[in-house]
Amino acid sequence: MFPRRALLSVSDKSGLLPFARFLAEQGVELLSTGGTARLLQTEGLAVTEVAEHTGQAEILEGRVKTLHPKIHGGLLGDRRKPEHVATMEAEGIAPIDLLVVNLYSFRQTLASGADFDTCVENIDIGGPAMLRAAAKNHASVAVVVDPNDYAAVQEALAGAEQQGGLGDGLRRKLARKAFAHTAAYDSDIARWLADKDQEDFPEEFSLAGKRLATLRYGENPHQGAAWYASGSRPEGLAAATLVQGKPLSYNNINDADAALNLVSEFREPAVAIIKHANPCGVAVGANLVEAYQQAYACDTTSAFGGIVAVNRQLDAKTAELITQIFTEVVVAPSVSDEAKDLFTAKKNLRLLITGDQTPASESSLIVKTLRGGFLLQNRDQSWADPDKIHCVTQRQASDSERADLEFAFRVAKHVKSNAIVLVKDGRTVGIGAGQMSRVDAARIATWKAGDEAQGCVLASDAFFPFADGIQMAIDAGAKAVIQPGGSMRDDEVIQAANEAGLAMLFTGMRHFNH
């Protein structure tokens, strides 16, 4: 059935005029409200104001304008049921066959820093009510919430194979999209109110996202995958621009996110090289060239095919070094023109520009899906209270050792548990990641470091349950250790450190990363 009457009321007016003009040319009666009606009238289109259609003027400063039986009856009346049709005729309710609505821009209002009352006024009520009504009655009504769907609707209406109507499949797809849109809209509002009440974990929690891309596959080729952005404003990789290279894969995105989070820990020029979501080399330096050279030297084998993230504008000299080995993705806040030119020779290298980004807040949430549910936790943005970081050994750490210890502990936050990180002069020299026992993590870290372990410092993401992990570091030549403390055998661990002349700091804060 070709629509006889359409109601158009949109916040996002992109693409609306040609679509509305097409409908008018097909003889569709146009109903509209407010700014949408004025825009269409200015363009010479015949439009009936909703207030004229219902016989009821807007009230309560526009809060009530479409909440009327002549609107909702026109959207909800099931044309397949004679009793519905009879009721509509008796009540003087004209059918509305096509609804084109998108909602007040609550996300944009929130992102602008508007005050509480302004945000409340930008909570759409009439729009979601109409969308849900039309979507429920999609057997009789087509609902369009996304301007990107105008072309498909127009093509279907003009198609001879549909005899000028919309097929069941398209109407159902549009209805599904409308319900998803209102769900995401409500989720944003609920999360905002929970934030205002400082309630991270409300009794009911909704997770909503906007699909950024459908990926070729997930972690493995037999798994499907897609990438979604959440929140009121883009951040992290969702705010990044892919300057060159093939579309990002699932594993690219996961690893690049880990790299970006790690390198964001540091204020001085820093480079992180990531492989399978774990760092294989991290360093700070006087400049990016120095930092990259030191990060790469940590594990030249694992760096092949890795992800590189930097926290400064990427310059040509650093770019030249990066291109000397196969690199999957480079992530940078900005890139010089000379560096971009160098990368063009590496067609498969993916270059992501993130812009300047502030660290995620501690109220930012991490979701881990489970069979039948999910876990929710605050992101680990914390750093131990400096007043609570204390030396527990007879030997005190020197200033240079303490700087390396703090660097190592920051890196350990981003290494899969159990994690051991060896550092010397602002650069990792050995990393043991994701082991079932801490002593095995220490064994791997010291093996990877080799002779570089002499004079290094060691960070552990959690306490040492026994002295054997410390002993392995002692045997490798470590001079200082930083760890949370809190083991039942802390005294044994401290004694082993004292006997070897190690300095050891306790932070009182664990950084498991599963």
Protein backbone atom coordinates (compact mmCIF):
# COMPACT_ATOMS: atom_id res chain seq x y z
CA MET A 1 0.00 0.00 0.00
CA PHE A 2 1.40 3.36 -1.01
CA PRO A 3 1.39 5.85 1.89
CA ARG A 4 -1.30 8.49 1.71
CA ARG A 5 -0.16 10.47 4.71
CA ALA A 6 3.28 11.00 6.29
CA LEU A 7 4.31 12.73 9.50
CA LEU A 8 7.77 14.30 9.42
CA SER A 9 9.36 15.75 12.57
CA VAL A 10 13.14 15.59 12.74
CA SER A 11 16.02 17.07 14.70
CA ASP A 12 18.58 15.98 12.08
CA LYS A 13 17.34 17.57 8.86
CA SER A 14 20.04 16.22 6.57
CA GLY A 15 18.57 14.77 3.39
CA LEU A 16 15.03 15.65 4.42
CA LEU A 17 14.13 18.14 1.69
CA PRO A 18 14.62 15.89 -1.36
CA PHE A 19 12.87 13.04 0.43
CA ALA A 20 9.90 15.23 1.43
CA ARG A 21 9.74 16.67 -2.10
CA PHE A 22 9.60 13.13 -3.53
CA LEU A 23 6.72 12.25 -1.19
CA ALA A 24 4.83 15.41 -2.12
CA GLU A 25 5.30 14.70 -5.82
CA GLN A 26 3.72 11.28 -5.25
CA GLY A 27 0.66 12.93 -3.72
CA VAL A 28 1.47 12.10 -0.09
CA GLU A 29 -0.07 14.50 2.44
CA LEU A 30 2.64 15.90 4.73
CA LEU A 31 2.09 16.53 8.44
CA SER A 32 4.81 18.19 10.47
CA THR A 33 5.75 20.16 13.58
CA GLY A 34 7.83 23.19 14.55
CA GLY A 35 11.10 23.75 12.78
CA THR A 36 10.58 20.86 10.38
CA ALA A 37 7.27 22.32 9.20
CA ARG A 38 8.79 25.77 8.75
CA LEU A 39 11.68 24.36 6.71
CA LEU A 40 9.35 22.47 4.38
CA GLN A 41 7.04 25.46 3.98
CA THR A 42 10.00 27.70 3.17
CA GLU A 43 10.84 25.33 0.34
CA GLY A 44 7.32 25.67 -1.05
CA LEU A 45 5.97 22.31 0.11
CA ALA A 46 2.36 22.04 1.30
CA VAL A 47 2.46 21.04 4.95
CA THR A 48 -0.29 20.60 7.54
CA GLU A 49 0.80 21.52 11.04
CA VAL A 50 0.13 18.81 13.62
CA ALA A 51 -1.78 21.31 15.77
CA GLU A 52 -4.11 21.97 12.84
CA HIS A 53 -4.48 18.23 12.20
CA THR A 54 -5.38 17.45 15.83
CA GLY A 55 -7.26 20.64 16.59
CA GLN A 56 -5.12 21.02 19.71
CA ALA A 57 -2.46 23.71 20.08
CA GLU A 58 0.92 22.85 21.59
CA ILE A 59 0.97 23.27 25.38
CA LEU A 60 3.52 23.30 28.20
CA GLU A 61 6.16 25.09 26.12
CA GLY A 62 5.99 22.44 23.41
CA ARG A 63 6.29 19.48 25.76
CA VAL A 64 2.90 18.28 24.51
CA LYS A 65 2.20 18.51 20.80
CA THR A 66 2.08 15.02 19.24
CA LEU A 67 0.71 13.21 22.31
CA HIS A 68 -2.83 13.12 20.94
CA PRO A 69 -5.31 10.36 19.90
CA LYS A 70 -5.40 11.64 16.33
CA ILE A 71 -1.64 11.10 16.10
CA HIS A 72 -1.29 7.86 18.05
CA GLY A 73 -4.57 6.45 16.76
CA GLY A 74 -3.35 7.17 13.23
CA LEU A 75 -0.08 5.34 13.97
CA LEU A 76 -1.43 2.42 16.03
CA GLY A 77 -4.60 1.53 14.13
CA ASP A 78 -4.10 -1.90 12.55
CA ARG A 79 -5.46 -1.61 9.01
CA ARG A 80 -5.87 -5.40 8.86
CA LYS A 81 -8.54 -5.33 11.58
CA PRO A 82 -12.01 -4.09 10.50
CA GLU A 83 -12.81 -3.05 14.08
CA HIS A 84 -9.73 -0.78 14.17
CA VAL A 85 -10.66 0.77 10.84
CA ALA A 86 -14.24 1.33 12.02
CA THR A 87 -13.09 2.96 15.26
CA MET A 88 -10.72 5.28 13.39
CA GLU A 89 -13.51 6.35 11.05
CA ALA A 90 -15.94 6.91 13.94
CA GLU A 91 -13.38 8.98 15.85
CA GLY A 92 -12.29 10.97 12.81
CA ILE A 93 -8.75 9.59 13.00
CA ALA A 94 -6.90 9.73 9.68
CA PRO A 95 -4.32 6.93 9.11
CA ILE A 96 -0.66 7.92 9.18
CA ASP A 97 1.16 5.50 6.89
CA LEU A 98 4.72 6.80 7.14
CA LEU A 99 6.49 8.29 10.17
CA VAL A 100 9.82 10.11 9.74
CA VAL A 101 11.21 11.07 13.15
CA ASN A 102 14.57 11.46 14.78
CA LEU A 103 14.96 12.65 18.31
CA TYR A 104 16.15 15.73 20.17
CA SER A 105 19.93 15.55 20.23
CA PHE A 106 20.36 14.53 23.86
CA ARG A 107 23.89 13.19 23.31
CA GLN A 108 25.04 16.41 21.67
CA THR A 109 23.44 18.48 24.42
CA LEU A 110 25.21 16.42 27.06
CA ALA A 111 28.53 16.60 25.21
CA SER A 112 28.24 20.39 24.98
CA GLY A 113 28.44 20.67 28.78
CA ALA A 114 24.91 22.05 29.11
CA ASP A 115 23.47 22.41 32.60
CA PHE A 116 21.07 19.90 34.16
CA ASP A 117 17.82 21.72 33.27
CA THR A 118 18.88 22.18 29.64
CA CYS A 119 19.68 18.48 29.38
CA VAL A 120 16.27 17.61 30.84
CA GLU A 121 14.52 19.82 28.26
CA ASN A 122 16.35 17.93 25.52
CA ILE A 123 14.85 14.61 26.60
CA ASP A 124 12.42 13.81 23.80
CA ILE A 125 9.07 12.38 24.88
CA GLY A 126 6.74 12.70 21.90
CA GLY A 127 9.34 11.41 19.44
CA PRO A 128 10.05 8.08 21.17
CA ALA A 129 6.33 7.58 21.78
CA MET A 130 5.58 7.99 18.08
CA LEU A 131 8.51 5.81 17.03
CA ARG A 132 7.45 2.98 19.31
CA ALA A 133 3.83 3.24 18.16
CA ALA A 134 4.75 3.13 14.48
CA ALA A 135 7.32 0.37 15.01
CA LYS A 136 4.81 -1.76 16.91
CA ASN A 137 2.32 -1.31 14.04
CA HIS A 138 4.89 -1.86 11.29
CA ALA A 139 2.48 -4.15 9.46
CA SER A 140 0.54 -0.99 8.59
CA VAL A 141 3.06 1.84 9.10
CA ALA A 142 6.60 2.43 7.89
CA VAL A 143 8.90 4.21 10.35
CA VAL A 144 12.14 5.97 9.41
CA VAL A 145 14.51 7.11 12.16
CA ASP A 146 17.78 7.35 10.20
CA PRO A 147 18.29 9.80 7.28
CA ASN A 148 20.52 7.16 5.69
CA ASP A 149 17.37 5.11 5.06
CA TYR A 150 15.60 7.76 2.96
CA ALA A 151 17.11 6.44 -0.26
CA ALA A 152 16.06 2.84 0.40
CA VAL A 153 12.50 3.91 1.24
CA GLN A 154 12.30 6.14 -1.81
CA GLU A 155 13.63 3.39 -4.05
CA ALA A 156 11.14 0.88 -2.64
CA LEU A 157 8.24 3.28 -3.09
CA ALA A 158 9.24 3.96 -6.67
CA GLY A 159 9.91 0.29 -7.50
CA ALA A 160 7.53 -1.46 -9.82
CA GLU A 161 8.16 -4.82 -8.15
CA GLN A 162 6.62 -3.42 -4.95
CA GLN A 163 3.68 -1.89 -6.84
CA GLY A 164 4.59 1.41 -5.24
CA GLY A 165 4.55 0.06 -1.69
CA LEU A 166 6.98 -1.00 1.02
CA GLY A 167 7.63 -4.70 1.48
CA ASP A 168 7.14 -6.49 4.78
CA GLY A 169 10.86 -7.13 5.12
CA LEU A 170 11.83 -3.46 4.80
CA ARG A 171 9.09 -2.31 7.19
CA ARG A 172 10.25 -4.87 9.76
CA LYS A 173 13.89 -3.82 9.36
CA LEU A 174 12.93 -0.15 9.85
CA ALA A 175 10.84 -1.05 12.92
CA ARG A 176 13.74 -2.97 14.44
CA LYS A 177 15.99 0.03 13.87
CA ALA A 178 13.47 2.35 15.55
CA PHE A 179 13.23 0.18 18.66
CA ALA A 180 17.04 -0.06 18.85
CA HIS A 181 17.25 3.72 18.54
CA THR A 182 14.80 4.44 21.35
CA ALA A 183 16.51 1.83 23.54
CA ALA A 184 19.89 3.50 23.02
CA TYR A 185 18.32 6.91 23.67
CA ASP A 186 16.83 5.76 26.97
CA SER A 187 20.12 4.08 27.90
CA ASP A 188 21.98 7.38 27.48
CA ILE A 189 19.52 9.19 29.72
CA ALA A 190 19.53 6.48 32.39
CA ARG A 191 23.34 6.43 32.43
CA TRP A 192 23.48 10.23 32.70
CA LEU A 193 21.11 10.24 35.67
CA ALA A 194 23.08 7.41 37.32
CA ASP A 195 26.25 9.49 36.89
CA LYS A 196 24.53 12.44 38.53
CA ASP A 197 23.72 10.22 41.50
CA GLN A 198 27.24 8.74 41.42
CA GLU A 199 25.75 5.30 40.95
CA ASP A 200 28.05 3.25 38.71
CA PHE A 201 26.16 0.01 39.13
CA PRO A 202 22.39 0.62 39.07
CA GLU A 203 19.94 -2.21 39.61
CA GLU A 204 19.24 -2.33 35.89
CA PHE A 205 21.96 -1.46 33.39
CA SER A 206 21.54 -1.04 29.64
CA LEU A 207 24.44 -1.08 27.21
CA ALA A 208 23.90 0.73 23.92
CA GLY A 209 26.20 1.32 20.99
CA LYS A 210 26.28 2.65 17.45
CA ARG A 211 27.81 0.31 14.89
CA LEU A 212 30.94 1.81 13.36
CA ALA A 213 31.81 -1.11 11.11
CA THR A 214 30.97 -4.69 10.29
CA LEU A 215 34.29 -6.52 10.42
CA ARG A 216 35.48 -9.27 8.08
CA TYR A 217 35.60 -11.63 11.06
CA GLY A 218 36.37 -11.74 14.78
CA GLU A 219 39.40 -13.16 16.53
CA ASN A 220 39.28 -16.06 14.08
CA PRO A 221 37.88 -16.33 10.53
CA HIS A 222 34.93 -18.51 11.61
CA GLN A 223 33.67 -15.81 14.04
CA GLY A 224 31.50 -12.89 12.96
CA ALA A 225 32.18 -9.46 14.47
CA ALA A 226 31.27 -5.78 14.42
CA TRP A 227 32.67 -2.63 16.05
CA TYR A 228 30.42 -0.34 18.10
CA ALA A 229 30.91 3.04 19.76
CA SER A 230 29.22 3.89 23.05
CA GLY A 231 28.80 7.00 25.16
CA SER A 232 27.65 10.55 24.54
CA ARG A 233 30.78 11.56 22.63
CA PRO A 234 33.33 9.62 20.57
CA GLU A 235 36.56 8.82 22.37
CA GLY A 236 39.43 6.41 22.10
CA LEU A 237 39.69 4.63 18.77
CA ALA A 238 36.06 5.50 18.02
CA ALA A 239 37.20 9.12 17.62
CA ALA A 240 40.18 8.19 15.45
CA THR A 241 40.56 8.65 11.70
CA LEU A 242 42.01 5.89 9.53
CA VAL A 243 44.37 7.84 7.27
CA GLN A 244 45.63 4.90 5.22
CA GLY A 245 45.63 1.14 5.02
CA LYS A 246 43.04 -1.61 4.91
CA PRO A 247 40.02 -1.55 7.24
CA LEU A 248 40.86 -2.50 10.80
CA SER A 249 40.34 -6.07 11.88
CA TYR A 250 38.91 -7.21 15.22
CA ASN A 251 42.40 -8.01 16.51
CA ASN A 252 43.78 -4.71 15.17
CA ILE A 253 41.15 -2.78 17.12
CA ASN A 254 41.66 -4.76 20.31
CA ASP A 255 45.45 -4.37 20.19
CA ALA A 256 45.34 -0.71 19.16
CA ASP A 257 43.04 0.05 22.09
CA ALA A 258 45.52 -1.61 24.47
CA ALA A 259 48.37 0.40 22.93
CA LEU A 260 46.52 3.70 23.17
CA ASN A 261 45.56 3.10 26.80
CA LEU A 262 49.11 2.22 27.76
CA VAL A 263 50.88 5.10 26.03
CA SER A 264 48.34 7.53 27.52
CA GLU A 265 49.82 6.76 30.96
CA PHE A 266 52.87 8.93 30.28
CA ARG A 267 53.44 12.66 29.94
CA GLU A 268 56.94 12.46 28.50
CA PRO A 269 57.44 11.21 24.91
CA ALA A 270 56.47 7.53 25.00
CA VAL A 271 56.16 4.57 22.65
CA ALA A 272 54.34 1.28 23.23
CA ILE A 273 54.61 -1.74 20.94
CA ILE A 274 51.76 -4.21 21.43
CA LYS A 275 51.29 -7.80 20.31
CA HIS A 276 48.17 -9.81 21.18
CA ALA A 277 47.03 -7.08 23.62
CA ASN A 278 50.28 -7.30 25.61
CA PRO A 279 53.20 -4.87 25.44
CA CYS A 280 56.40 -6.33 24.02
CA GLY A 281 58.26 -3.05 24.44
CA VAL A 282 57.58 0.28 26.16
CA ALA A 283 59.89 3.26 26.65
CA VAL A 284 60.01 6.97 27.36
CA GLY A 285 62.70 9.26 26.01
CA ALA A 286 63.78 12.77 25.19
CA ASN A 287 61.91 12.36 21.88
CA LEU A 288 59.94 9.72 19.98
CA VAL A 289 62.96 8.49 18.05
CA GLU A 290 64.77 7.62 21.26
CA ALA A 291 61.65 6.13 22.82
CA TYR A 292 60.92 3.96 19.78
CA GLN A 293 64.46 2.66 19.56
CA GLN A 294 64.41 1.66 23.22
CA ALA A 295 60.93 0.10 23.04
CA TYR A 296 61.83 -1.90 19.95
CA ALA A 297 65.07 -3.13 21.52
CA CYS A 298 63.14 -4.80 24.34
CA ASP A 299 61.85 -7.60 22.08
CA THR A 300 62.78 -7.26 18.41
CA THR A 301 61.23 -10.62 17.57
CA SER A 302 57.77 -9.97 19.01
CA ALA A 303 57.63 -6.43 17.61
CA PHE A 304 57.29 -7.88 14.08
CA GLY A 305 53.66 -7.48 13.02
CA GLY A 306 52.85 -5.44 16.13
CA ILE A 307 50.90 -2.29 16.92
CA VAL A 308 52.82 0.92 17.66
CA ALA A 309 51.30 3.77 19.68
CA VAL A 310 52.92 7.12 20.45
CA ASN A 311 51.75 10.05 22.57
CA ARG A 312 53.29 12.89 20.53
CA GLN A 313 52.97 14.03 16.94
CA LEU A 314 54.63 11.34 14.87
CA ASP A 315 57.65 12.79 13.06
CA ALA A 316 59.40 11.58 9.92
CA LYS A 317 62.47 10.14 11.71
CA THR A 318 60.32 7.94 13.94
CA ALA A 319 58.12 6.96 11.01
CA GLU A 320 61.21 5.89 9.06
CA LEU A 321 62.27 3.61 11.92
CA ILE A 322 58.78 2.09 12.17
CA THR A 323 58.71 1.27 8.46
CA GLN A 324 61.91 -0.77 8.71
CA ILE A 325 59.92 -3.74 10.02
CA PHE A 326 56.44 -5.03 9.28
CA THR A 327 53.97 -3.10 11.46
CA GLU A 328 50.21 -3.68 11.39
CA VAL A 329 48.94 -0.41 12.88
CA VAL A 330 50.39 2.91 14.03
CA VAL A 331 48.36 5.04 16.46
CA ALA A 332 49.28 8.69 17.04
CA PRO A 333 47.55 11.90 18.18
CA SER A 334 48.80 13.59 15.00
CA VAL A 335 51.24 12.89 12.17
CA SER A 336 53.52 15.25 10.27
CA ASP A 337 53.09 15.51 6.49
CA GLU A 338 56.58 14.09 6.00
CA ALA A 339 55.71 11.05 8.14
CA LYS A 340 52.50 10.51 6.16
CA ASP A 341 54.47 10.57 2.94
CA LEU A 342 56.85 7.90 4.27
CA PHE A 343 53.95 5.64 5.23
CA THR A 344 52.36 5.81 1.77
CA ALA A 345 55.04 3.36 0.58
CA LYS A 346 53.62 0.82 3.06
CA LYS A 347 50.15 0.34 1.59
CA ASN A 348 49.08 -2.28 4.12
CA LEU A 349 50.14 -0.29 7.18
CA ARG A 350 47.12 1.17 8.93
CA LEU A 351 47.62 4.69 10.26
CA LEU A 352 45.21 5.96 12.93
CA ILE A 353 45.12 9.58 14.07
CA THR A 354 43.30 9.96 17.39
CA GLY A 355 43.69 13.67 18.11
CA ASP A 356 44.52 14.82 21.61
CA GLN A 357 42.62 12.71 24.12
CA THR A 358 42.16 13.09 27.83
CA PRO A 359 42.55 9.90 29.89
CA ALA A 360 39.37 7.95 30.53
CA SER A 361 37.75 8.85 33.82
CA GLU A 362 37.67 6.36 36.68
CA SER A 363 33.88 6.21 36.27
CA SER A 364 34.42 4.84 32.75
CA LEU A 365 33.20 1.26 32.71
CA ILE A 366 34.55 -2.01 31.34
CA VAL A 367 32.05 -4.68 30.30
CA LYS A 368 33.02 -8.34 30.08
CA THR A 369 30.41 -10.60 28.59
CA LEU A 370 29.66 -13.98 30.11
CA ARG A 371 27.40 -16.81 29.13
CA GLY A 372 24.02 -15.50 30.21
CA GLY A 373 25.17 -12.06 31.39
CA PHE A 374 28.07 -9.71 31.84
CA LEU A 375 30.43 -8.25 34.41
CA LEU A 376 30.80 -4.52 34.91
CA GLN A 377 33.67 -2.68 36.57
CA ASN A 378 35.31 0.74 36.70
CA ARG A 379 38.28 1.19 34.39
CA ASP A 380 41.63 0.93 36.18
CA GLN A 381 42.74 4.56 35.93
CA SER A 382 43.98 4.73 39.51
CA TRP A 383 47.51 5.23 40.73
CA ALA A 384 48.72 4.44 44.22
CA ASP A 385 48.68 7.28 46.72
CA PRO A 386 52.30 8.57 46.83
CA ASP A 387 52.03 8.80 50.61
CA LYS A 388 51.21 5.09 50.76
CA ILE A 389 54.07 3.93 48.53
CA HIS A 390 56.69 3.03 51.10
CA CYS A 391 59.96 1.20 51.30
CA VAL A 392 59.86 -2.05 53.33
CA THR A 393 63.54 -3.00 53.03
CA GLN A 394 66.72 -1.84 54.68
CA ARG A 395 68.05 -0.38 51.45
CA GLN A 396 66.18 2.62 50.07
CA ALA A 397 65.60 3.04 46.35
CA SER A 398 67.65 5.79 44.70
CA ASP A 399 65.84 8.58 42.84
CA SER A 400 66.64 7.00 39.47
CA GLU A 401 65.49 3.59 40.68
CA ARG A 402 62.28 5.05 42.03
CA ALA A 403 61.55 6.70 38.67
CA ASP A 404 62.08 3.37 36.92
CA LEU A 405 59.96 1.55 39.49
CA GLU A 406 57.02 3.89 38.94
CA PHE A 407 57.43 3.55 35.17
CA ALA A 408 57.50 -0.25 35.48
CA PHE A 409 54.41 -0.33 37.69
CA ARG A 410 52.46 1.80 35.19
CA VAL A 411 53.40 -0.62 32.42
CA ALA A 412 52.43 -3.60 34.59
CA LYS A 413 48.86 -2.26 34.76
CA HIS A 414 48.56 -3.00 31.04
CA VAL A 415 50.16 -6.44 31.00
CA LYS A 416 47.93 -9.50 31.27
CA SER A 417 48.16 -11.13 34.69
CA ASN A 418 50.26 -12.60 36.11
CA ALA A 419 52.59 -9.80 35.07
CA ILE A 420 56.26 -9.13 35.71
CA VAL A 421 57.97 -6.12 34.09
CA LEU A 422 61.72 -5.44 34.13
CA VAL A 423 62.84 -1.86 33.45
CA LYS A 424 66.13 -0.03 33.09
CA ASP A 425 66.54 3.69 32.34
CA GLY A 426 62.92 4.33 31.33
CA ARG A 427 62.58 1.31 29.04
CA THR A 428 61.31 -2.22 29.44
CA VAL A 429 63.96 -4.90 29.06
CA GLY A 430 61.84 -7.96 29.81
CA ILE A 431 58.11 -8.64 30.17
CA GLY A 432 56.47 -11.81 31.47
CA ALA A 433 52.73 -11.81 30.71
CA GLY A 434 49.63 -13.92 31.25
CA GLN A 435 51.17 -16.76 33.21
CA MET A 436 49.33 -19.01 35.62
CA SER A 437 52.11 -18.64 38.22
CA ARG A 438 54.00 -15.49 39.13
CA VAL A 439 57.31 -17.33 39.26
CA ASP A 440 56.83 -18.40 35.63
CA ALA A 441 56.09 -14.79 34.66
CA ALA A 442 59.34 -13.78 36.41
CA ARG A 443 61.20 -16.61 34.65
CA ILE A 444 59.99 -15.43 31.22
CA ALA A 445 60.74 -11.75 31.95
CA THR A 446 64.29 -12.46 33.08
CA TRP A 447 64.89 -14.87 30.17
CA LYS A 448 63.75 -12.23 27.68
CA ALA A 449 65.90 -9.57 29.35
CA GLY A 450 69.06 -11.67 29.31
CA ASP A 451 72.11 -9.60 30.28
CA GLU A 452 69.94 -6.46 30.34
CA ALA A 453 68.45 -7.72 33.61
CA GLN A 454 71.66 -6.71 35.41
CA GLY A 455 70.89 -3.54 37.37
CA CYS A 456 67.21 -3.45 36.35
CA VAL A 457 64.15 -2.83 38.53
CA LEU A 458 61.14 -5.13 38.67
CA ALA A 459 57.40 -4.47 38.93
CA SER A 460 54.78 -7.06 39.78
CA ASP A 461 51.06 -6.37 39.24
CA ALA A 462 50.20 -8.30 42.43
CA PHE A 463 52.01 -9.53 45.53
CA PHE A 464 54.57 -12.33 45.53
CA PRO A 465 52.98 -15.30 47.31
CA PHE A 466 56.42 -16.83 47.92
CA ALA A 467 60.02 -15.64 47.89
CA ASP A 468 60.86 -17.71 44.79
CA GLY A 469 59.73 -15.00 42.36
CA ILE A 470 61.90 -12.45 44.13
CA GLN A 471 64.82 -14.89 44.16
CA MET A 472 64.60 -15.26 40.40
CA ALA A 473 64.84 -11.48 40.04
CA ILE A 474 67.76 -11.42 42.47
CA ASP A 475 69.56 -14.12 40.49
CA ALA A 476 69.02 -12.15 37.27
CA GLY A 477 70.59 -9.02 38.77
CA ALA A 478 67.60 -6.85 39.69
CA LYS A 479 68.34 -4.06 42.19
CA ALA A 480 64.86 -2.87 43.21
CA VAL A 481 61.29 -4.15 43.25
CA ILE A 482 57.84 -2.56 43.37
CA GLN A 483 54.78 -4.61 44.24
CA PRO A 484 51.44 -4.17 46.04
CA GLY A 485 52.34 -6.26 49.10
CA GLY A 486 49.71 -7.98 51.19
CA SER A 487 50.84 -11.60 51.04
CA MET A 488 50.72 -13.83 54.12
CA ARG A 489 54.43 -14.39 53.44
CA ASP A 490 55.44 -10.75 52.98
CA ASP A 491 57.98 -11.18 55.78
CA GLU A 492 59.71 -13.98 53.88
CA VAL A 493 59.78 -11.93 50.69
CA ILE A 494 61.15 -8.87 52.50
CA GLN A 495 63.79 -11.02 54.20
CA ALA A 496 64.94 -12.41 50.82
CA ALA A 497 65.18 -8.86 49.47
CA ASN A 498 67.16 -7.67 52.49
CA GLU A 499 69.58 -10.58 52.26
CA ALA A 500 70.26 -9.69 48.62
CA GLY A 501 70.50 -5.94 49.24
CA LEU A 502 67.40 -5.10 47.17
CA ALA A 503 65.24 -2.05 47.71
CA MET A 504 61.55 -2.93 47.71
CA LEU A 505 58.50 -0.65 47.61
CA PHE A 506 54.95 -1.61 48.57
CA THR A 507 52.13 0.31 46.86
CA GLY A 508 49.07 -1.20 48.53
CA MET A 509 47.32 -1.27 45.13
CA ARG A 510 46.97 -4.30 42.86
CA HIS A 511 46.60 -4.10 39.08
CA PHE A 512 45.27 -7.42 37.80
CA ASN A 513 44.43 -7.24 34.08
CA HIS A 514 42.51 -10.26 32.81
